[in-house]
Amino acid sequence: MVHQYIPELSLHRSSRLDFTPNPEKPWHSLRVRSKDNIYATGAITFAASPVYGEFHGIESQNAPAIQRLLDPSAVIVKSTCTGQSGDAEDPAVDFVDVVAPRNPRGDAIRSP
Protein backbone atom coordinates (compact mmCIF):
# COMPACT_ATOMS: atom_id res chain seq x y z
CA MET A 1 0.00 0.00 0.00
CA VAL A 2 1.41 3.38 -1.00
CA HIS A 3 0.69 6.22 1.42
CA GLN A 4 0.14 9.61 -0.14
CA TYR A 5 -0.66 13.03 1.26
CA ILE A 6 -4.24 14.11 0.55
CA PRO A 7 -4.94 17.63 1.93
CA GLU A 8 -8.71 17.04 2.26
CA LEU A 9 -8.07 14.02 4.49
CA SER A 10 -5.24 15.46 6.58
CA LEU A 11 -5.76 15.97 10.30
CA HIS A 12 -5.52 19.44 11.75
CA ARG A 13 -3.54 20.24 14.86
CA SER A 14 -6.11 21.30 17.42
CA SER A 15 -3.42 23.03 19.49
CA ARG A 16 -3.13 25.54 16.64
CA LEU A 17 -6.85 26.22 16.40
CA ASP A 18 -8.45 29.28 17.96
CA PHE A 19 -10.33 28.48 21.13
CA THR A 20 -13.38 30.46 22.16
CA PRO A 21 -15.36 28.94 25.07
CA ASN A 22 -18.92 28.13 24.08
CA PRO A 23 -21.45 26.58 26.50
CA GLU A 24 -23.30 24.94 23.59
CA LYS A 25 -20.14 23.09 22.54
CA PRO A 26 -18.49 22.07 25.82
CA TRP A 27 -15.87 19.82 24.21
CA HIS A 28 -14.68 22.42 21.70
CA SER A 29 -11.10 21.48 20.69
CA LEU A 30 -10.90 18.57 23.16
CA ARG A 31 -8.39 16.19 21.57
CA VAL A 32 -9.43 12.53 21.44
CA ARG A 33 -7.70 9.42 20.10
CA SER A 34 -9.65 6.39 18.92
CA LYS A 35 -8.73 2.77 18.30
CA ASP A 36 -7.99 1.83 14.71
CA ASN A 37 -10.94 -0.59 14.64
CA ILE A 38 -13.57 2.16 15.04
CA TYR A 39 -14.96 3.74 11.87
CA ALA A 40 -14.32 7.47 11.38
CA THR A 41 -15.28 9.43 8.27
CA GLY A 42 -12.32 10.10 5.99
CA ALA A 43 -10.01 7.64 7.78
CA ILE A 44 -8.95 4.11 6.96
CA THR A 45 -9.98 1.51 9.54
CA PHE A 46 -7.12 -0.97 9.86
CA ALA A 47 -8.24 -3.11 12.85
CA ALA A 48 -4.54 -4.05 13.30
CA SER A 49 -4.37 -5.44 9.76
CA PRO A 50 -3.00 -3.53 6.75
CA VAL A 51 -4.89 -5.89 4.44
CA TYR A 52 -8.20 -5.11 6.19
CA GLY A 53 -7.56 -1.39 5.76
CA GLU A 54 -6.60 -1.77 2.13
CA PHE A 55 -9.69 -3.89 1.42
CA HIS A 56 -12.20 -1.57 3.12
CA GLY A 57 -10.60 1.74 2.11
CA ILE A 58 -11.64 5.17 3.38
CA GLU A 59 -14.72 5.23 5.59
CA SER A 60 -17.77 7.25 4.52
CA GLN A 61 -19.50 7.49 7.90
CA ASN A 62 -18.71 7.64 11.60
CA ALA A 63 -19.33 4.92 14.14
CA PRO A 64 -21.90 5.94 16.79
CA ALA A 65 -19.14 6.26 19.42
CA ILE A 66 -17.17 8.68 17.22
CA GLN A 67 -20.30 10.67 16.37
CA ARG A 68 -21.12 11.04 20.08
CA LEU A 69 -17.68 12.61 20.55
CA LEU A 70 -17.93 14.89 17.52
CA ASP A 71 -21.41 16.25 18.33
CA PRO A 72 -20.15 18.30 21.33
CA SER A 73 -17.14 19.42 19.18
CA ALA A 74 -14.38 17.01 20.20
CA VAL A 75 -11.52 16.68 17.69
CA ILE A 76 -10.34 13.21 16.65
CA VAL A 77 -6.59 13.61 16.17
CA LYS A 78 -5.29 10.09 15.65
CA SER A 79 -6.23 6.45 15.75
CA THR A 80 -4.17 4.09 17.88
CA CYS A 81 -2.88 0.68 16.93
CA THR A 82 -4.82 -2.21 18.46
CA GLY A 83 -2.38 -4.91 17.37
CA GLN A 84 -0.74 -5.35 20.77
CA SER A 85 -3.91 -5.93 22.74
CA GLY A 86 -4.92 -9.13 20.98
CA ASP A 87 -1.68 -10.43 19.48
CA ALA A 88 0.48 -13.50 20.11
CA GLU A 89 1.22 -15.07 23.51
CA ASP A 90 4.72 -13.62 23.44
CA PRO A 91 3.98 -10.01 22.44
CA ALA A 92 6.52 -7.56 21.08
CA VAL A 93 8.20 -5.12 23.45
CA ASP A 94 6.96 -2.08 21.50
CA PHE A 95 3.77 -1.43 19.61
CA VAL A 96 3.95 -2.61 16.01
CA ASP A 97 1.81 -1.61 13.03
CA VAL A 98 1.82 -5.07 11.45
CA VAL A 99 0.95 -8.26 13.29
CA ALA A 100 3.22 -11.29 12.98
CA PRO A 101 2.42 -13.72 10.15
CA ARG A 102 1.00 -17.18 10.77
CA ASN A 103 3.66 -19.86 10.93
CA PRO A 104 3.07 -22.42 8.14
CA ARG A 105 4.50 -25.23 10.33
CA GLY A 106 1.50 -24.96 12.64
CA ASP A 107 3.28 -23.33 15.59
CA ALA A 108 0.60 -20.64 15.67
CA ILE A 109 1.51 -16.97 15.41
CA ARG A 110 5.12 -15.90 15.86
CA SER A 111 6.25 -12.84 17.75
CA PRO A 112 7.76 -10.13 15.56
C-alpha atoms as a PDB file:
ATOM      1  CA  MET A   1       0.000   0.000   0.000  1.00  0.00           C
ATOM      2  CA  VAL A   2       1.410   3.382  -0.995  1.00  0.00           C
ATOM      3  CA  HIS A   3       0.693   6.215   1.422  1.00  0.00           C
ATOM      4  CA  GLN A   4       0.137   9.608  -0.138  1.00  0.00           C
ATOM      5  CA  TYR A   5      -0.659  13.028   1.257  1.00  0.00           C
ATOM      6  CA  ILE A   6      -4.236  14.113   0.552  1.00  0.00           C
ATOM      7  CA  PRO A   7      -4.938  17.631   1.930  1.00  0.00           C
ATOM      8  CA  GLU A   8      -8.708  17.035   2.260  1.00  0.00           C
ATOM      9  CA  LEU A   9      -8.066  14.020   4.491  1.00  0.00           C
ATOM     10  CA  SER A  10      -5.243  15.457   6.579  1.00  0.00           C
ATOM     11  CA  LEU A  11      -5.759  15.975  10.300  1.00  0.00           C
ATOM     12  CA  HIS A  12      -5.524  19.440  11.754  1.00  0.00           C
ATOM     13  CA  ARG A  13      -3.538  20.241  14.864  1.00  0.00           C
ATOM     14  CA  SER A  14      -6.112  21.304  17.419  1.00  0.00           C
ATOM     15  CA  SER A  15      -3.421  23.033  19.490  1.00  0.00           C
ATOM     16  CA  ARG A  16      -3.128  25.542  16.638  1.00  0.00           C
ATOM     17  CA  LEU A  17      -6.852  26.222  16.402  1.00  0.00           C
ATOM     18  CA  ASP A  18      -8.446  29.281  17.957  1.00  0.00           C
ATOM     19  CA  PHE A  19     -10.333  28.480  21.133  1.00  0.00           C
ATOM     20  CA  THR A  20     -13.383  30.456  22.164  1.00  0.00           C
ATOM     21  CA  PRO A  21     -15.359  28.935  25.072  1.00  0.00           C
ATOM     22  CA  ASN A  22     -18.922  28.130  24.080  1.00  0.00           C
ATOM     23  CA  PRO A  23     -21.452  26.582  26.496  1.00  0.00           C
ATOM     24  CA  GLU A  24     -23.300  24.943  23.587  1.00  0.00           C
ATOM     25  CA  LYS A  25     -20.140  23.093  22.536  1.00  0.00           C
ATOM     26  CA  PRO A  26     -18.486  22.069  25.822  1.00  0.00           C
ATOM     27  CA  TRP A  27     -15.866  19.825  24.210  1.00  0.00           C
ATOM     28  CA  HIS A  28     -14.682  22.416  21.697  1.00  0.00           C
ATOM     29  CA  SER A  29     -11.101  21.481  20.687  1.00  0.00           C
ATOM     30  CA  LEU A  30     -10.898  18.571  23.157  1.00  0.00           C
ATOM     31  CA  ARG A  31      -8.390  16.189  21.566  1.00  0.00           C
ATOM     32  CA  VAL A  32      -9.426  12.535  21.438  1.00  0.00           C
ATOM     33  CA  ARG A  33      -7.705   9.421  20.104  1.00  0.00           C
ATOM     34  CA  SER A  34      -9.652   6.389  18.918  1.00  0.00           C
ATOM     35  CA  LYS A  35      -8.735   2.770  18.304  1.00  0.00           C
ATOM     36  CA  ASP A  36      -7.992   1.832  14.712  1.00  0.00           C
ATOM     37  CA  ASN A  37     -10.939  -0.588  14.636  1.00  0.00           C
ATOM     38  CA  ILE A  38     -13.565   2.160  15.036  1.00  0.00           C
ATOM     39  CA  TYR A  39     -14.963   3.742  11.873  1.00  0.00           C
ATOM     40  CA  ALA A  40     -14.322   7.469  11.381  1.00  0.00           C
ATOM     41  CA  THR A  41     -15.275   9.432   8.268  1.00  0.00           C
ATOM     42  CA  GLY A  42     -12.316  10.101   5.994  1.00  0.00           C
ATOM     43  CA  ALA A  43     -10.006   7.640   7.775  1.00  0.00           C
ATOM     44  CA  ILE A  44      -8.949   4.107   6.960  1.00  0.00           C
ATOM     45  CA  THR A  45      -9.976   1.509   9.540  1.00  0.00           C
ATOM     46  CA  PHE A  46      -7.119  -0.974   9.862  1.00  0.00           C
ATOM     47  CA  ALA A  47      -8.236  -3.110  12.845  1.00  0.00           C
ATOM     48  CA  ALA A  48      -4.538  -4.048  13.301  1.00  0.00           C
ATOM     49  CA  SER A  49      -4.369  -5.438   9.762  1.00  0.00           C
ATOM     50  CA  PRO A  50      -3.004  -3.527   6.755  1.00  0.00           C
ATOM     51  CA  VAL A  51      -4.892  -5.893   4.441  1.00  0.00           C
ATOM     52  CA  TYR A  52      -8.202  -5.113   6.187  1.00  0.00           C
ATOM     53  CA  GLY A  53      -7.560  -1.393   5.762  1.00  0.00           C
ATOM     54  CA  GLU A  54      -6.600  -1.774   2.125  1.00  0.00           C
ATOM     55  CA  PHE A  55      -9.691  -3.888   1.417  1.00  0.00           C
ATOM     56  CA  HIS A  56     -12.199  -1.567   3.118  1.00  0.00           C
ATOM     57  CA  GLY A  57     -10.596   1.741   2.106  1.00  0.00           C
ATOM     58  CA  ILE A  58     -11.638   5.168   3.381  1.00  0.00           C
ATOM     59  CA  GLU A  59     -14.723   5.234   5.594  1.00  0.00           C
ATOM     60  CA  SER A  60     -17.772   7.245   4.515  1.00  0.00           C
ATOM     61  CA  GLN A  61     -19.502   7.485   7.899  1.00  0.00           C
ATOM     62  CA  ASN A  62     -18.715   7.643  11.597  1.00  0.00           C
ATOM     63  CA  ALA A  63     -19.326   4.921  14.140  1.00  0.00           C
ATOM     64  CA  PRO A  64     -21.899   5.941  16.791  1.00  0.00           C
ATOM     65  CA  ALA A  65     -19.135   6.261  19.416  1.00  0.00           C
ATOM     66  CA  ILE A  66     -17.167   8.675  17.221  1.00  0.00           C
ATOM     67  CA  GLN A  67     -20.296  10.669  16.372  1.00  0.00           C
ATOM     68  CA  ARG A  68     -21.120  11.043  20.082  1.00  0.00           C
ATOM     69  CA  LEU A  69     -17.678  12.613  20.553  1.00  0.00           C
ATOM     70  CA  LEU A  70     -17.927  14.887  17.523  1.00  0.00           C
ATOM     71  CA  ASP A  71     -21.406  16.254  18.327  1.00  0.00           C
ATOM     72  CA  PRO A  72     -20.152  18.299  21.331  1.00  0.00           C
ATOM     73  CA  SER A  73     -17.143  19.416  19.177  1.00  0.00           C
ATOM     74  CA  ALA A  74     -14.385  17.012  20.195  1.00  0.00           C
ATOM     75  CA  VAL A  75     -11.525  16.679  17.686  1.00  0.00           C
ATOM     76  CA  ILE A  76     -10.345  13.207  16.649  1.00  0.00           C
ATOM     77  CA  VAL A  77      -6.594  13.612  16.172  1.00  0.00           C
ATOM     78  CA  LYS A  78      -5.292  10.085  15.647  1.00  0.00           C
ATOM     79  CA  SER A  79      -6.232   6.450  15.754  1.00  0.00           C
ATOM     80  CA  THR A  80      -4.174   4.089  17.875  1.00  0.00           C
ATOM     81  CA  CYS A  81      -2.880   0.677  16.927  1.00  0.00           C
ATOM     82  CA  THR A  82      -4.816  -2.208  18.458  1.00  0.00           C
ATOM     83  CA  GLY A  83      -2.376  -4.907  17.369  1.00  0.00           C
ATOM     84  CA  GLN A  84      -0.744  -5.350  20.770  1.00  0.00           C
ATOM     85  CA  SER A  85      -3.914  -5.934  22.744  1.00  0.00           C
ATOM     86  CA  GLY A  86      -4.916  -9.130  20.983  1.00  0.00           C
ATOM     87  CA  ASP A  87      -1.680 -10.431  19.475  1.00  0.00           C
ATOM     88  CA  ALA A  88       0.477 -13.497  20.115  1.00  0.00           C
ATOM     89  CA  GLU A  89       1.220 -15.068  23.512  1.00  0.00           C
ATOM     90  CA  ASP A  90       4.715 -13.620  23.443  1.00  0.00           C
ATOM     91  CA  PRO A  91       3.979 -10.008  22.439  1.00  0.00           C
ATOM     92  CA  ALA A  92       6.523  -7.562  21.079  1.00  0.00           C
ATOM     93  CA  VAL A  93       8.203  -5.117  23.448  1.00  0.00           C
ATOM     94  CA  ASP A  94       6.960  -2.079  21.502  1.00  0.00           C
ATOM     95  CA  PHE A  95       3.766  -1.431  19.606  1.00  0.00           C
ATOM     96  CA  VAL A  96       3.953  -2.607  16.013  1.00  0.00           C
ATOM     97  CA  ASP A  97       1.811  -1.615  13.026  1.00  0.00           C
ATOM     98  CA  VAL A  98       1.822  -5.070  11.451  1.00  0.00           C
ATOM     99  CA  VAL A  99       0.950  -8.262  13.293  1.00  0.00           C
ATOM    100  CA  ALA A 100       3.220 -11.289  12.977  1.00  0.00           C
ATOM    101  CA  PRO A 101       2.423 -13.720  10.152  1.00  0.00           C
ATOM    102  CA  ARG A 102       0.996 -17.180  10.774  1.00  0.00           C
ATOM    103  CA  ASN A 103       3.662 -19.864  10.929  1.00  0.00           C
ATOM    104  CA  PRO A 104       3.073 -22.419   8.136  1.00  0.00           C
ATOM    105  CA  ARG A 105       4.495 -25.232  10.330  1.00  0.00           C
ATOM    106  CA  GLY A 106       1.505 -24.961  12.637  1.00  0.00           C
ATOM    107  CA  ASP A 107       3.284 -23.334  15.589  1.00  0.00           C
ATOM    108  CA  ALA A 108       0.601 -20.641  15.674  1.00  0.00           C
ATOM    109  CA  ILE A 109       1.508 -16.973  15.415  1.00  0.00           C
ATOM    110  CA  ARG A 110       5.117 -15.901  15.865  1.00  0.00           C
ATOM    111  CA  SER A 111       6.255 -12.843  17.753  1.00  0.00           C
ATOM    112  CA  PRO A 112       7.764 -10.126  15.564  1.00  0.00           C
END
